[in-house]
Amino acid sequence: MFGAYAFEMLALVVAVGGLVAVIAEIIIKDPSALADIVTDSRAMAQPAQRARAATTVSNGNFRKAA
């Protein structure tokens, strides 16, 4: 009933709609983040640095330390 062209157009509409939804969510939640993403996408892709937790157990009891 539908040709391949109709399915291609449907896929394109879904993809563009998803992109619009993501951009709209960024604009609604944090408008300044959109400028940061556009100007420096590499820095935005890096996860935030967190303080490292201690990896060694000091009391020798692994079940209690966890």
C-alpha atoms as a PDB file:
ATOM      1  CA  MET A   1       0.000   0.000   0.000  1.00  0.00           C
ATOM      2  CA  PHE A   2       2.784   2.440   0.924  1.00  0.00           C
ATOM      3  CA  GLY A   3       5.868   2.728  -1.177  1.00  0.00           C
ATOM      4  CA  ALA A   4       9.447   2.800   0.013  1.00  0.00           C
ATOM      5  CA  TYR A   5       9.431   6.571  -0.371  1.00  0.00           C
ATOM      6  CA  ALA A   6       6.679   6.910   2.239  1.00  0.00           C
ATOM      7  CA  PHE A   7       8.649   4.829   4.754  1.00  0.00           C
ATOM      8  CA  GLU A   8      11.756   6.927   4.109  1.00  0.00           C
ATOM      9  CA  MET A   9       9.786  10.098   4.749  1.00  0.00           C
ATOM     10  CA  LEU A  10       8.304   8.589   7.918  1.00  0.00           C
ATOM     11  CA  ALA A  11      11.793   7.694   9.184  1.00  0.00           C
ATOM     12  CA  LEU A  12      13.019  11.206   8.393  1.00  0.00           C
ATOM     13  CA  VAL A  13      10.071  12.799  10.207  1.00  0.00           C
ATOM     14  CA  VAL A  14      10.669  10.602  13.280  1.00  0.00           C
ATOM     15  CA  ALA A  15      14.400  11.433  13.314  1.00  0.00           C
ATOM     16  CA  VAL A  16      13.824  15.180  12.962  1.00  0.00           C
ATOM     17  CA  GLY A  17      11.080  15.039  15.590  1.00  0.00           C
ATOM     18  CA  GLY A  18      13.465  13.338  18.021  1.00  0.00           C
ATOM     19  CA  LEU A  19      16.118  15.973  17.406  1.00  0.00           C
ATOM     20  CA  VAL A  20      13.598  18.761  17.968  1.00  0.00           C
ATOM     21  CA  ALA A  21      12.464  17.091  21.203  1.00  0.00           C
ATOM     22  CA  VAL A  22      16.035  16.897  22.534  1.00  0.00           C
ATOM     23  CA  ILE A  23      16.801  20.516  21.662  1.00  0.00           C
ATOM     24  CA  ALA A  24      13.491  21.669  23.164  1.00  0.00           C
ATOM     25  CA  GLU A  25      14.246  19.797  26.396  1.00  0.00           C
ATOM     26  CA  ILE A  26      17.676  21.438  26.629  1.00  0.00           C
ATOM     27  CA  ILE A  27      16.158  24.875  26.048  1.00  0.00           C
ATOM     28  CA  ILE A  28      13.427  24.316  28.635  1.00  0.00           C
ATOM     29  CA  LYS A  29      15.662  22.887  31.380  1.00  0.00           C
ATOM     30  CA  ASP A  30      18.826  24.977  30.978  1.00  0.00           C
ATOM     31  CA  PRO A  31      18.967  27.541  28.151  1.00  0.00           C
ATOM     32  CA  SER A  32      22.589  28.461  28.883  1.00  0.00           C
ATOM     33  CA  ALA A  33      23.650  24.848  28.330  1.00  0.00           C
ATOM     34  CA  LEU A  34      22.699  25.084  24.648  1.00  0.00           C
ATOM     35  CA  ALA A  35      25.333  27.770  24.070  1.00  0.00           C
ATOM     36  CA  ASP A  36      27.903  25.678  25.962  1.00  0.00           C
ATOM     37  CA  ILE A  37      27.092  22.603  23.870  1.00  0.00           C
ATOM     38  CA  VAL A  38      27.347  24.519  20.596  1.00  0.00           C
ATOM     39  CA  THR A  39      30.613  26.274  21.444  1.00  0.00           C
ATOM     40  CA  ASP A  40      32.477  23.454  23.240  1.00  0.00           C
ATOM     41  CA  SER A  41      30.896  20.051  22.708  1.00  0.00           C
ATOM     42  CA  ARG A  42      34.033  18.158  23.766  1.00  0.00           C
ATOM     43  CA  ALA A  43      34.003  19.722  27.251  1.00  0.00           C
ATOM     44  CA  MET A  44      30.276  19.036  27.609  1.00  0.00           C
ATOM     45  CA  ALA A  45      30.826  15.364  26.729  1.00  0.00           C
ATOM     46  CA  GLN A  46      33.387  14.849  29.507  1.00  0.00           C
ATOM     47  CA  PRO A  47      31.893  13.611  32.776  1.00  0.00           C
ATOM     48  CA  ALA A  48      32.294  15.791  35.830  1.00  0.00           C
ATOM     49  CA  GLN A  49      35.326  14.941  37.946  1.00  0.00           C
ATOM     50  CA  ARG A  50      34.364  13.501  41.309  1.00  0.00           C
ATOM     51  CA  ALA A  51      36.499  13.011  44.373  1.00  0.00           C
ATOM     52  CA  ARG A  52      37.949   9.526  44.527  1.00  0.00           C
ATOM     53  CA  ALA A  53      36.752   7.222  47.273  1.00  0.00           C
ATOM     54  CA  ALA A  54      39.222   5.173  49.268  1.00  0.00           C
ATOM     55  CA  THR A  55      39.856   1.851  47.570  1.00  0.00           C
ATOM     56  CA  THR A  56      41.681   0.065  50.372  1.00  0.00           C
ATOM     57  CA  VAL A  57      39.922  -1.405  53.355  1.00  0.00           C
ATOM     58  CA  SER A  58      41.496  -0.248  56.581  1.00  0.00           C
ATOM     59  CA  ASN A  59      39.916  -2.651  59.061  1.00  0.00           C
ATOM     60  CA  GLY A  60      40.433  -5.928  57.184  1.00  0.00           C
ATOM     61  CA  ASN A  61      36.743  -6.847  57.347  1.00  0.00           C
ATOM     62  CA  PHE A  62      35.579  -6.601  53.749  1.00  0.00           C
ATOM     63  CA  ARG A  63      31.897  -7.194  54.531  1.00  0.00           C
ATOM     64  CA  LYS A  64      31.753  -4.425  57.125  1.00  0.00           C
ATOM     65  CA  ALA A  65      33.831  -2.021  55.074  1.00  0.00           C
ATOM     66  CA  ALA A  66      31.549  -2.236  52.071  1.00  0.00           C
END
